[in-house]
Amino acid sequence: MKRKLLAATFFALASSFASAADQSVFVTTTPVLDTDNHFIGITAGLDGILSGGLDVITFTGLAAGTYKFNVSVSGQNLYFDPLLSNLNGYTGVAVNAGIASFEYIGIIGASPFTLNLAGVAGPKALYSGDVTVTAVPEPSTYAMLAAGLGVLGMIRRRKSAARTNAA
């Protein structure tokens, strides 16, 4: 089983290096492996890290809904432009030259979320990042929770009243 997983991972990584530096990352709200919801800057041929000043990373795999979407990116030998780097149009926070973070809460019809990393890369530059996705409950979910707690309170009150009458 582990050999098959390693072989599948190797072939998936090998095929991603054959494409352009822009990439697509499958995201899940319940990651199983340490490598889930993780991405790295990749190079392909002459297309390197932040080649042309921009890398585009598309996050797919989410159903329609409302999500709290956190992305943190760190790297070395590069500078992220805080005005041009964005997640679905929302500019993040560039903590220092090689670190950027984004938080986005929004309603989407379906994936993808798109991260645009803009900046300047030095020699041997690289970056990696992690994605945390949390489903945001709809207001009706909270209404159902409140109604359920109300019913439990009512049942408890009836039971305590029945015990008082029986005694």
C-alpha atoms as a PDB file:
ATOM      1  CA  MET A   1       0.000   0.000   0.000  1.00  0.00           C
ATOM      2  CA  LYS A   2       2.773   2.435   0.943  1.00  0.00           C
ATOM      3  CA  ARG A   3       4.677   1.627  -2.247  1.00  0.00           C
ATOM      4  CA  LYS A   4       1.622   2.409  -4.345  1.00  0.00           C
ATOM      5  CA  LEU A   5       1.117   5.696  -2.498  1.00  0.00           C
ATOM      6  CA  LEU A   6       4.779   6.625  -2.954  1.00  0.00           C
ATOM      7  CA  ALA A   7       4.651   5.726  -6.642  1.00  0.00           C
ATOM      8  CA  ALA A   8       1.467   7.729  -7.153  1.00  0.00           C
ATOM      9  CA  THR A   9       2.985  10.710  -5.328  1.00  0.00           C
ATOM     10  CA  PHE A  10       6.175  10.476  -7.399  1.00  0.00           C
ATOM     11  CA  PHE A  11       4.268  10.398 -10.680  1.00  0.00           C
ATOM     12  CA  ALA A  12       1.996  13.253  -9.586  1.00  0.00           C
ATOM     13  CA  LEU A  13       4.995  15.396  -8.670  1.00  0.00           C
ATOM     14  CA  ALA A  14       6.848  14.448 -11.834  1.00  0.00           C
ATOM     15  CA  SER A  15       3.887  15.436 -13.982  1.00  0.00           C
ATOM     16  CA  SER A  16       3.498  18.758 -12.168  1.00  0.00           C
ATOM     17  CA  PHE A  17       7.116  19.638 -12.924  1.00  0.00           C
ATOM     18  CA  ALA A  18       6.464  19.064 -16.600  1.00  0.00           C
ATOM     19  CA  SER A  19       3.854  21.829 -16.689  1.00  0.00           C
ATOM     20  CA  ALA A  20       4.210  25.562 -16.229  1.00  0.00           C
ATOM     21  CA  ALA A  21       5.140  27.082 -12.866  1.00  0.00           C
ATOM     22  CA  ASP A  22       1.482  27.934 -12.296  1.00  0.00           C
ATOM     23  CA  GLN A  23      -0.168  25.075 -10.472  1.00  0.00           C
ATOM     24  CA  SER A  24      -3.393  23.633  -9.168  1.00  0.00           C
ATOM     25  CA  VAL A  25      -3.676  22.256  -5.615  1.00  0.00           C
ATOM     26  CA  PHE A  26      -6.509  20.015  -4.446  1.00  0.00           C
ATOM     27  CA  VAL A  27      -7.782  21.251  -1.065  1.00  0.00           C
ATOM     28  CA  THR A  28      -9.906  19.435   1.494  1.00  0.00           C
ATOM     29  CA  THR A  29     -11.484  20.563   4.764  1.00  0.00           C
ATOM     30  CA  THR A  30     -10.316  17.315   6.399  1.00  0.00           C
ATOM     31  CA  PRO A  31      -6.685  16.678   5.415  1.00  0.00           C
ATOM     32  CA  VAL A  32      -5.488  13.126   5.982  1.00  0.00           C
ATOM     33  CA  LEU A  33      -1.790  13.283   5.091  1.00  0.00           C
ATOM     34  CA  ASP A  34       0.799  15.854   6.165  1.00  0.00           C
ATOM     35  CA  THR A  35       1.200  16.796   2.508  1.00  0.00           C
ATOM     36  CA  ASP A  36      -2.508  17.581   2.036  1.00  0.00           C
ATOM     37  CA  ASN A  37      -3.304  21.269   1.582  1.00  0.00           C
ATOM     38  CA  HIS A  38       0.400  22.055   1.052  1.00  0.00           C
ATOM     39  CA  PHE A  39       2.096  23.567  -1.985  1.00  0.00           C
ATOM     40  CA  ILE A  40       5.597  24.447  -3.085  1.00  0.00           C
ATOM     41  CA  GLY A  41       6.966  26.809  -5.693  1.00  0.00           C
ATOM     42  CA  ILE A  42       7.850  24.813  -8.769  1.00  0.00           C
ATOM     43  CA  THR A  43       9.949  25.475 -11.819  1.00  0.00           C
ATOM     44  CA  ALA A  44       9.563  24.116 -15.313  1.00  0.00           C
ATOM     45  CA  GLY A  45      12.156  24.690 -17.982  1.00  0.00           C
ATOM     46  CA  LEU A  46      12.807  28.418 -18.192  1.00  0.00           C
ATOM     47  CA  ASP A  47       9.711  29.244 -16.153  1.00  0.00           C
ATOM     48  CA  GLY A  48      11.064  29.655 -12.621  1.00  0.00           C
ATOM     49  CA  ILE A  49       9.848  30.891  -9.265  1.00  0.00           C
ATOM     50  CA  LEU A  50       7.935  34.161  -9.760  1.00  0.00           C
ATOM     51  CA  SER A  51       8.989  34.090 -13.403  1.00  0.00           C
ATOM     52  CA  GLY A  52       7.652  37.227 -15.005  1.00  0.00           C
ATOM     53  CA  GLY A  53       6.885  38.486 -11.518  1.00  0.00           C
ATOM     54  CA  LEU A  54       3.811  36.291 -10.921  1.00  0.00           C
ATOM     55  CA  ASP A  55       2.915  32.735  -9.908  1.00  0.00           C
ATOM     56  CA  VAL A  56      -0.710  31.621  -9.938  1.00  0.00           C
ATOM     57  CA  ILE A  57      -1.819  28.820  -7.610  1.00  0.00           C
ATOM     58  CA  THR A  58      -5.375  27.562  -7.969  1.00  0.00           C
ATOM     59  CA  PHE A  59      -7.004  25.703  -5.073  1.00  0.00           C
ATOM     60  CA  THR A  60      -9.682  23.258  -6.207  1.00  0.00           C
ATOM     61  CA  GLY A  61     -11.788  20.500  -4.682  1.00  0.00           C
ATOM     62  CA  LEU A  62     -14.222  22.480  -2.536  1.00  0.00           C
ATOM     63  CA  ALA A  63     -17.975  22.206  -2.944  1.00  0.00           C
ATOM     64  CA  ALA A  64     -20.183  25.274  -3.053  1.00  0.00           C
ATOM     65  CA  GLY A  65     -20.466  26.980   0.300  1.00  0.00           C
ATOM     66  CA  THR A  66     -18.965  29.529   2.649  1.00  0.00           C
ATOM     67  CA  TYR A  67     -15.400  28.969   3.805  1.00  0.00           C
ATOM     68  CA  LYS A  68     -12.815  30.559   6.029  1.00  0.00           C
ATOM     69  CA  PHE A  69      -9.734  30.178   3.883  1.00  0.00           C
ATOM     70  CA  ASN A  70      -6.258  30.789   5.356  1.00  0.00           C
ATOM     71  CA  VAL A  71      -3.082  30.647   3.289  1.00  0.00           C
ATOM     72  CA  SER A  72       0.401  31.149   4.681  1.00  0.00           C
ATOM     73  CA  VAL A  73       3.414  31.305   2.391  1.00  0.00           C
ATOM     74  CA  SER A  74       7.067  31.506   3.335  1.00  0.00           C
ATOM     75  CA  GLY A  75      10.172  31.439   1.216  1.00  0.00           C
ATOM     76  CA  GLN A  76      13.762  32.401   0.828  1.00  0.00           C
ATOM     77  CA  ASN A  77      15.634  34.679  -1.577  1.00  0.00           C
ATOM     78  CA  LEU A  78      12.464  36.385  -2.720  1.00  0.00           C
ATOM     79  CA  TYR A  79      10.260  39.362  -2.022  1.00  0.00           C
ATOM     80  CA  PHE A  80       6.448  39.199  -2.190  1.00  0.00           C
ATOM     81  CA  ASP A  81       4.788  42.381  -3.389  1.00  0.00           C
ATOM     82  CA  PRO A  82       2.031  43.067  -0.811  1.00  0.00           C
ATOM     83  CA  LEU A  83       0.041  45.237  -3.238  1.00  0.00           C
ATOM     84  CA  LEU A  84      -0.098  42.725  -6.103  1.00  0.00           C
ATOM     85  CA  SER A  85      -0.166  39.400  -4.234  1.00  0.00           C
ATOM     86  CA  ASN A  86      -3.752  38.385  -3.528  1.00  0.00           C
ATOM     87  CA  LEU A  87      -6.187  35.564  -2.815  1.00  0.00           C
ATOM     88  CA  ASN A  88      -9.343  35.964  -4.920  1.00  0.00           C
ATOM     89  CA  GLY A  89      -8.600  39.677  -5.116  1.00  0.00           C
ATOM     90  CA  TYR A  90      -8.035  40.097  -1.367  1.00  0.00           C
ATOM     91  CA  THR A  91      -4.543  41.377  -0.592  1.00  0.00           C
ATOM     92  CA  GLY A  92      -2.874  39.659   2.293  1.00  0.00           C
ATOM     93  CA  VAL A  93      -0.295  40.713   4.807  1.00  0.00           C
ATOM     94  CA  ALA A  94       3.380  40.594   3.876  1.00  0.00           C
ATOM     95  CA  VAL A  95       5.074  40.032   7.236  1.00  0.00           C
ATOM     96  CA  ASN A  96       8.575  40.500   5.814  1.00  0.00           C
ATOM     97  CA  ALA A  97      10.478  39.918   2.604  1.00  0.00           C
ATOM     98  CA  GLY A  98       9.747  36.200   2.247  1.00  0.00           C
ATOM     99  CA  ILE A  99       6.552  35.645   4.247  1.00  0.00           C
ATOM    100  CA  ALA A 100       2.968  36.428   3.278  1.00  0.00           C
ATOM    101  CA  SER A 101      -0.364  35.390   4.737  1.00  0.00           C
ATOM    102  CA  PHE A 102      -3.928  35.656   3.485  1.00  0.00           C
ATOM    103  CA  GLU A 103      -7.285  35.115   5.129  1.00  0.00           C
ATOM    104  CA  TYR A 104     -10.439  35.108   3.078  1.00  0.00           C
ATOM    105  CA  ILE A 105     -14.015  34.471   4.141  1.00  0.00           C
ATOM    106  CA  GLY A 106     -16.400  34.405   1.255  1.00  0.00           C
ATOM    107  CA  ILE A 107     -19.325  32.752  -0.410  1.00  0.00           C
ATOM    108  CA  ILE A 108     -18.376  30.960  -3.569  1.00  0.00           C
ATOM    109  CA  GLY A 109     -20.436  29.043  -6.080  1.00  0.00           C
ATOM    110  CA  ALA A 110     -17.739  26.388  -6.132  1.00  0.00           C
ATOM    111  CA  SER A 111     -13.959  26.291  -6.176  1.00  0.00           C
ATOM    112  CA  PRO A 112     -11.478  27.498  -7.198  1.00  0.00           C
ATOM    113  CA  PHE A 113      -9.769  29.975  -4.965  1.00  0.00           C
ATOM    114  CA  THR A 114      -6.874  31.591  -6.800  1.00  0.00           C
ATOM    115  CA  LEU A 115      -3.692  32.815  -5.123  1.00  0.00           C
ATOM    116  CA  ASN A 116      -1.601  35.265  -7.135  1.00  0.00           C
ATOM    117  CA  LEU A 117       1.927  35.616  -5.774  1.00  0.00           C
ATOM    118  CA  ALA A 118       3.707  38.633  -7.198  1.00  0.00           C
ATOM    119  CA  GLY A 119       7.229  39.697  -6.437  1.00  0.00           C
ATOM    120  CA  VAL A 120      10.886  39.348  -7.264  1.00  0.00           C
ATOM    121  CA  ALA A 121      12.909  36.169  -6.896  1.00  0.00           C
ATOM    122  CA  GLY A 122      16.633  35.986  -6.297  1.00  0.00           C
ATOM    123  CA  PRO A 123      18.959  33.106  -7.184  1.00  0.00           C
ATOM    124  CA  LYS A 124      17.828  29.730  -5.828  1.00  0.00           C
ATOM    125  CA  ALA A 125      14.575  31.230  -4.564  1.00  0.00           C
ATOM    126  CA  LEU A 126      11.848  28.942  -3.349  1.00  0.00           C
ATOM    127  CA  TYR A 127       8.665  29.083  -1.356  1.00  0.00           C
ATOM    128  CA  SER A 128       6.132  26.775   0.202  1.00  0.00           C
ATOM    129  CA  GLY A 129       2.777  27.245   1.819  1.00  0.00           C
ATOM    130  CA  ASP A 130      -0.054  25.694   3.713  1.00  0.00           C
ATOM    131  CA  VAL A 131      -3.781  26.074   3.331  1.00  0.00           C
ATOM    132  CA  THR A 132      -6.341  25.753   6.121  1.00  0.00           C
ATOM    133  CA  VAL A 133      -9.968  25.586   5.079  1.00  0.00           C
ATOM    134  CA  THR A 134     -12.867  25.635   7.520  1.00  0.00           C
ATOM    135  CA  ALA A 135     -16.490  25.458   6.475  1.00  0.00           C
ATOM    136  CA  VAL A 136     -18.481  28.364   7.909  1.00  0.00           C
ATOM    137  CA  PRO A 137     -21.948  27.277   9.085  1.00  0.00           C
ATOM    138  CA  GLU A 138     -24.958  28.987   7.561  1.00  0.00           C
ATOM    139  CA  PRO A 139     -27.210  31.038   9.870  1.00  0.00           C
ATOM    140  CA  SER A 140     -29.886  28.326   9.684  1.00  0.00           C
ATOM    141  CA  THR A 141     -27.406  25.959  11.339  1.00  0.00           C
ATOM    142  CA  TYR A 142     -27.265  28.196  14.389  1.00  0.00           C
ATOM    143  CA  ALA A 143     -31.081  28.445  14.422  1.00  0.00           C
ATOM    144  CA  MET A 144     -31.334  24.647  14.415  1.00  0.00           C
ATOM    145  CA  LEU A 145     -28.794  24.446  17.249  1.00  0.00           C
ATOM    146  CA  ALA A 146     -30.761  26.964  19.336  1.00  0.00           C
ATOM    147  CA  ALA A 147     -34.050  25.149  18.650  1.00  0.00           C
ATOM    148  CA  GLY A 148     -32.502  21.813  19.643  1.00  0.00           C
ATOM    149  CA  LEU A 149     -31.128  23.232  22.882  1.00  0.00           C
ATOM    150  CA  GLY A 150     -34.549  24.753  23.602  1.00  0.00           C
ATOM    151  CA  VAL A 151     -36.213  21.360  23.146  1.00  0.00           C
ATOM    152  CA  LEU A 152     -33.658  19.732  25.458  1.00  0.00           C
ATOM    153  CA  GLY A 153     -34.320  22.426  28.082  1.00  0.00           C
ATOM    154  CA  MET A 154     -38.072  21.884  27.787  1.00  0.00           C
ATOM    155  CA  ILE A 155     -37.690  18.103  28.230  1.00  0.00           C
ATOM    156  CA  ARG A 156     -35.482  18.629  31.290  1.00  0.00           C
ATOM    157  CA  ARG A 157     -38.028  21.023  32.813  1.00  0.00           C
ATOM    158  CA  ARG A 158     -40.879  18.528  32.261  1.00  0.00           C
ATOM    159  CA  LYS A 159     -38.867  15.708  33.850  1.00  0.00           C
ATOM    160  CA  SER A 160     -38.005  17.795  36.916  1.00  0.00           C
ATOM    161  CA  ALA A 161     -41.668  18.914  37.220  1.00  0.00           C
ATOM    162  CA  ALA A 162     -42.801  15.278  36.975  1.00  0.00           C
ATOM    163  CA  ARG A 163     -40.363  14.283  39.754  1.00  0.00           C
ATOM    164  CA  THR A 164     -41.612  17.121  41.960  1.00  0.00           C
ATOM    165  CA  ASN A 165     -45.269  16.085  41.430  1.00  0.00           C
ATOM    166  CA  ALA A 166     -44.461  12.414  42.075  1.00  0.00           C
ATOM    167  CA  ALA A 167     -42.770  13.182  45.399  1.00  0.00           C
END
